[in-house]
């Protein structure tokens, strides 16, 4: 499968298919490793490590909405506890 471009199947094959003395197997393994690393490095998994990366607008809005909800729950909880203590 690696000869056909199935790079991600390298870890799921139970037996060793590569021959250490075969140069073509070594070249295919090297190309598979290069493809996997290239894909990972150029994905958003590395976005925090790359200069000039701008966070998407929807992510910023989601953070703001989460913060507003958290503040709203905290304020509501404060007044609910205050009301419960006053009624005793």
N, C-alpha and C. Protein backbone atom coordinates (compact mmCIF):
# COMPACT_ATOMS: atom_id res chain seq x y z
N UNK A 1 0.82 -1.19 0.00
CA UNK A 1 0.00 0.00 0.00
C UNK A 1 0.87 1.25 0.00
N UNK A 2 2.01 1.19 0.64
CA UNK A 2 2.89 2.35 0.66
C UNK A 2 3.39 2.69 -0.74
N UNK A 3 3.58 1.69 -1.57
CA UNK A 3 3.99 1.95 -2.95
C UNK A 3 2.90 2.70 -3.71
N UNK A 4 1.64 2.52 -3.30
CA UNK A 4 0.52 3.18 -3.97
C UNK A 4 0.18 4.53 -3.33
N UNK A 5 0.88 4.93 -2.27
CA UNK A 5 0.65 6.24 -1.66
C UNK A 5 -0.10 6.19 -0.35
N UNK A 6 -0.31 5.02 0.22
CA UNK A 6 -1.01 4.90 1.50
C UNK A 6 -0.06 5.14 2.66
N UNK A 7 0.32 6.38 2.86
CA UNK A 7 1.35 6.73 3.84
C UNK A 7 0.93 6.44 5.28
N UNK A 8 -0.30 6.70 5.61
CA UNK A 8 -0.74 6.60 7.00
C UNK A 8 -0.94 5.17 7.47
N UNK A 9 -0.83 4.21 6.59
CA UNK A 9 -1.00 2.80 6.97
C UNK A 9 0.30 2.16 7.44
N UNK A 10 1.33 2.92 7.60
CA UNK A 10 2.61 2.35 8.02
C UNK A 10 2.53 1.73 9.40
N UNK A 11 1.77 2.30 10.29
CA UNK A 11 1.72 1.80 11.67
C UNK A 11 0.66 0.72 11.88
N UNK A 12 -0.16 0.44 10.88
CA UNK A 12 -1.23 -0.53 11.07
C UNK A 12 -0.92 -1.91 10.47
N UNK A 13 0.20 -2.03 9.80
CA UNK A 13 0.57 -3.30 9.19
C UNK A 13 1.24 -4.16 10.26
N UNK A 14 0.68 -5.35 10.55
CA UNK A 14 1.23 -6.15 11.66
C UNK A 14 2.62 -6.73 11.39
N UNK A 15 2.90 -7.09 10.17
CA UNK A 15 4.20 -7.69 9.87
C UNK A 15 5.05 -6.69 9.09
N UNK A 16 6.34 -6.90 9.14
CA UNK A 16 7.26 -6.03 8.43
C UNK A 16 7.25 -6.40 6.95
N UNK A 17 6.96 -5.47 6.09
CA UNK A 17 6.91 -5.74 4.65
C UNK A 17 8.17 -5.26 3.96
N UNK A 18 9.00 -4.51 4.67
CA UNK A 18 10.15 -3.93 4.01
C UNK A 18 11.39 -4.79 4.25
N UNK A 19 12.21 -4.84 3.23
CA UNK A 19 13.46 -5.58 3.29
C UNK A 19 14.59 -4.57 3.48
N UNK A 20 15.41 -4.74 4.50
CA UNK A 20 16.47 -3.78 4.80
C UNK A 20 17.50 -3.68 3.69
N UNK A 21 17.64 -4.72 2.90
CA UNK A 21 18.64 -4.70 1.84
C UNK A 21 18.08 -4.18 0.51
N UNK A 22 16.77 -3.92 0.46
CA UNK A 22 16.14 -3.47 -0.79
C UNK A 22 16.09 -1.95 -0.81
N UNK A 23 16.77 -1.34 -1.76
CA UNK A 23 16.83 0.11 -1.86
C UNK A 23 15.48 0.73 -2.18
N UNK A 24 14.68 0.08 -2.99
CA UNK A 24 13.37 0.64 -3.34
C UNK A 24 12.45 0.72 -2.12
N UNK A 25 12.53 -0.26 -1.20
CA UNK A 25 11.74 -0.19 0.03
C UNK A 25 12.19 0.98 0.89
N UNK A 26 13.47 1.21 0.96
CA UNK A 26 13.99 2.34 1.76
C UNK A 26 13.53 3.67 1.18
N UNK A 27 13.53 3.78 -0.13
CA UNK A 27 13.08 5.02 -0.77
C UNK A 27 11.59 5.25 -0.52
N UNK A 28 10.80 4.19 -0.60
CA UNK A 28 9.35 4.31 -0.36
C UNK A 28 9.10 4.71 1.09
N UNK A 29 9.80 4.10 2.04
CA UNK A 29 9.64 4.47 3.45
C UNK A 29 10.04 5.92 3.70
N UNK A 30 11.12 6.36 3.07
CA UNK A 30 11.56 7.74 3.22
C UNK A 30 10.50 8.70 2.67
N UNK A 31 9.93 8.39 1.53
CA UNK A 31 8.91 9.24 0.93
C UNK A 31 7.64 9.26 1.79
N UNK A 32 7.26 8.11 2.35
CA UNK A 32 6.08 8.07 3.23
C UNK A 32 6.30 8.93 4.46
N UNK A 33 7.47 8.82 5.07
CA UNK A 33 7.77 9.63 6.26
C UNK A 33 7.78 11.11 5.91
N UNK A 34 8.34 11.46 4.77
CA UNK A 34 8.37 12.86 4.32
C UNK A 34 6.95 13.39 4.12
N UNK A 35 6.08 12.59 3.50
CA UNK A 35 4.71 13.03 3.25
C UNK A 35 3.94 13.26 4.55
N UNK A 36 4.11 12.36 5.52
CA UNK A 36 3.42 12.49 6.80
C UNK A 36 3.90 13.72 7.55
N UNK A 37 5.20 13.92 7.62
CA UNK A 37 5.76 15.08 8.33
C UNK A 37 5.38 16.37 7.63
N UNK A 38 5.45 16.40 6.30
CA UNK A 38 5.08 17.59 5.54
C UNK A 38 3.62 17.96 5.79
N UNK A 39 2.74 16.97 5.81
CA UNK A 39 1.32 17.24 6.05
C UNK A 39 1.10 17.79 7.45
N UNK A 40 1.78 17.23 8.44
CA UNK A 40 1.61 17.70 9.81
C UNK A 40 2.15 19.11 9.99
N UNK A 41 3.31 19.38 9.47
CA UNK A 41 3.94 20.69 9.66
C UNK A 41 3.16 21.79 8.96
N UNK A 42 2.53 21.50 7.86
CA UNK A 42 1.79 22.51 7.11
C UNK A 42 0.30 22.54 7.45
N UNK A 43 -0.08 21.87 8.53
CA UNK A 43 -1.49 21.87 8.94
C UNK A 43 -1.70 22.92 10.03
N UNK A 44 -2.94 23.06 10.46
CA UNK A 44 -3.23 24.01 11.54
C UNK A 44 -2.75 23.51 12.89
N UNK A 45 -2.27 22.29 12.98
CA UNK A 45 -1.71 21.80 14.23
C UNK A 45 -0.47 22.60 14.61
N UNK A 46 0.21 23.14 13.63
CA UNK A 46 1.40 23.93 13.87
C UNK A 46 1.13 25.43 13.78
N UNK A 47 -0.12 25.83 13.70
CA UNK A 47 -0.47 27.23 13.47
C UNK A 47 0.04 28.15 14.57
N UNK A 48 0.08 27.67 15.79
CA UNK A 48 0.55 28.52 16.88
C UNK A 48 2.04 28.76 16.83
N UNK A 49 2.78 27.94 16.12
CA UNK A 49 4.23 28.07 16.04
C UNK A 49 4.68 28.90 14.85
N UNK A 50 3.76 29.27 13.98
CA UNK A 50 4.12 29.97 12.76
C UNK A 50 3.88 31.47 12.95
N UNK A 51 4.83 32.28 12.53
CA UNK A 51 4.68 33.73 12.63
C UNK A 51 3.58 34.23 11.70
N UNK A 52 2.96 35.30 12.09
CA UNK A 52 1.93 35.99 11.31
C UNK A 52 0.69 35.13 11.08
N UNK A 53 0.40 34.23 11.99
CA UNK A 53 -0.81 33.43 11.88
C UNK A 53 -1.95 34.19 12.53
N UNK A 54 -3.01 34.42 11.82
CA UNK A 54 -4.17 35.14 12.34
C UNK A 54 -5.25 34.15 12.72
N UNK A 55 -5.72 34.26 13.95
CA UNK A 55 -6.80 33.40 14.41
C UNK A 55 -8.08 33.76 13.65
N UNK A 56 -8.86 32.77 13.30
CA UNK A 56 -10.10 33.00 12.56
C UNK A 56 -11.06 33.84 13.40
N UNK A 57 -11.84 34.65 12.73
CA UNK A 57 -12.77 35.56 13.40
C UNK A 57 -13.79 34.79 14.23
N UNK A 58 -14.27 33.67 13.71
CA UNK A 58 -15.28 32.90 14.44
C UNK A 58 -14.71 32.33 15.73
N UNK A 59 -13.42 32.04 15.77
CA UNK A 59 -12.80 31.53 16.99
C UNK A 59 -12.75 32.63 18.04
N UNK A 60 -12.39 33.83 17.63
CA UNK A 60 -12.36 34.97 18.55
C UNK A 60 -13.75 35.24 19.09
N UNK A 61 -14.76 35.23 18.22
CA UNK A 61 -16.13 35.47 18.66
C UNK A 61 -16.61 34.38 19.62
N UNK A 62 -16.18 33.16 19.39
CA UNK A 62 -16.55 32.06 20.28
C UNK A 62 -15.92 32.26 21.66
N UNK A 63 -14.66 32.71 21.71
CA UNK A 63 -14.03 32.99 22.99
C UNK A 63 -14.76 34.11 23.74
N UNK A 64 -15.14 35.15 23.02
CA UNK A 64 -15.87 36.26 23.64
C UNK A 64 -17.22 35.78 24.16
N UNK A 65 -17.93 34.99 23.37
CA UNK A 65 -19.23 34.48 23.80
C UNK A 65 -19.08 33.59 25.03
N UNK A 66 -18.06 32.75 25.06
CA UNK A 66 -17.83 31.90 26.23
C UNK A 66 -17.55 32.74 27.47
N UNK A 67 -16.76 33.80 27.30
CA UNK A 67 -16.45 34.67 28.43
C UNK A 67 -17.71 35.38 28.93
N UNK A 68 -18.55 35.84 28.02
CA UNK A 68 -19.78 36.52 28.42
C UNK A 68 -20.73 35.57 29.16
N UNK A 69 -20.83 34.35 28.69
CA UNK A 69 -21.67 33.36 29.36
C UNK A 69 -21.13 33.07 30.76
N UNK A 70 -19.82 32.92 30.89
CA UNK A 70 -19.22 32.65 32.19
C UNK A 70 -19.45 33.81 33.15
N UNK A 71 -19.29 35.03 32.69
CA UNK A 71 -19.54 36.20 33.54
C UNK A 71 -21.02 36.27 33.91
N UNK A 72 -21.90 35.99 32.97
CA UNK A 72 -23.33 36.01 33.25
C UNK A 72 -23.72 34.99 34.30
N UNK A 73 -23.16 33.79 34.21
CA UNK A 73 -23.46 32.75 35.21
C UNK A 73 -22.91 33.15 36.57
N UNK A 74 -21.72 33.76 36.59
CA UNK A 74 -21.14 34.18 37.87
C UNK A 74 -21.98 35.27 38.52
N UNK A 75 -22.45 36.24 37.74
CA UNK A 75 -23.29 37.31 38.28
C UNK A 75 -24.61 36.74 38.76
N UNK A 76 -25.22 35.88 37.98
CA UNK A 76 -26.47 35.26 38.39
C UNK A 76 -26.28 34.47 39.68
N UNK A 77 -25.19 33.71 39.76
CA UNK A 77 -24.92 32.93 40.98
C UNK A 77 -24.72 33.83 42.19
N UNK A 78 -24.04 34.95 42.01
CA UNK A 78 -23.83 35.89 43.12
C UNK A 78 -25.17 36.39 43.65
N UNK A 79 -26.04 36.85 42.75
CA UNK A 79 -27.33 37.38 43.19
C UNK A 79 -28.24 36.29 43.74
N UNK A 80 -28.16 35.07 43.22
CA UNK A 80 -28.98 33.96 43.74
C UNK A 80 -28.55 33.63 45.16
N UNK A 81 -27.24 33.57 45.42
CA UNK A 81 -26.75 33.29 46.77
C UNK A 81 -27.10 34.42 47.72
N UNK A 82 -26.94 35.65 47.24
CA UNK A 82 -27.27 36.82 48.06
C UNK A 82 -28.75 36.83 48.46
N UNK A 83 -29.62 36.52 47.51
CA UNK A 83 -31.05 36.48 47.77
C UNK A 83 -31.37 35.37 48.76
N UNK A 84 -30.72 34.20 48.60
CA UNK A 84 -30.97 33.09 49.52
C UNK A 84 -30.50 33.43 50.92
N UNK A 85 -29.40 34.12 51.06
CA UNK A 85 -28.91 34.50 52.39
C UNK A 85 -29.78 35.57 53.04
N UNK A 86 -30.35 36.49 52.25
CA UNK A 86 -31.21 37.52 52.80
C UNK A 86 -32.56 36.95 53.25
N UNK A 87 -33.03 35.90 52.59
CA UNK A 87 -34.33 35.36 52.93
C UNK A 87 -34.30 34.50 54.18
N UNK A 88 -33.13 34.16 54.68
CA UNK A 88 -33.04 33.33 55.89
C UNK A 88 -33.20 34.12 57.13
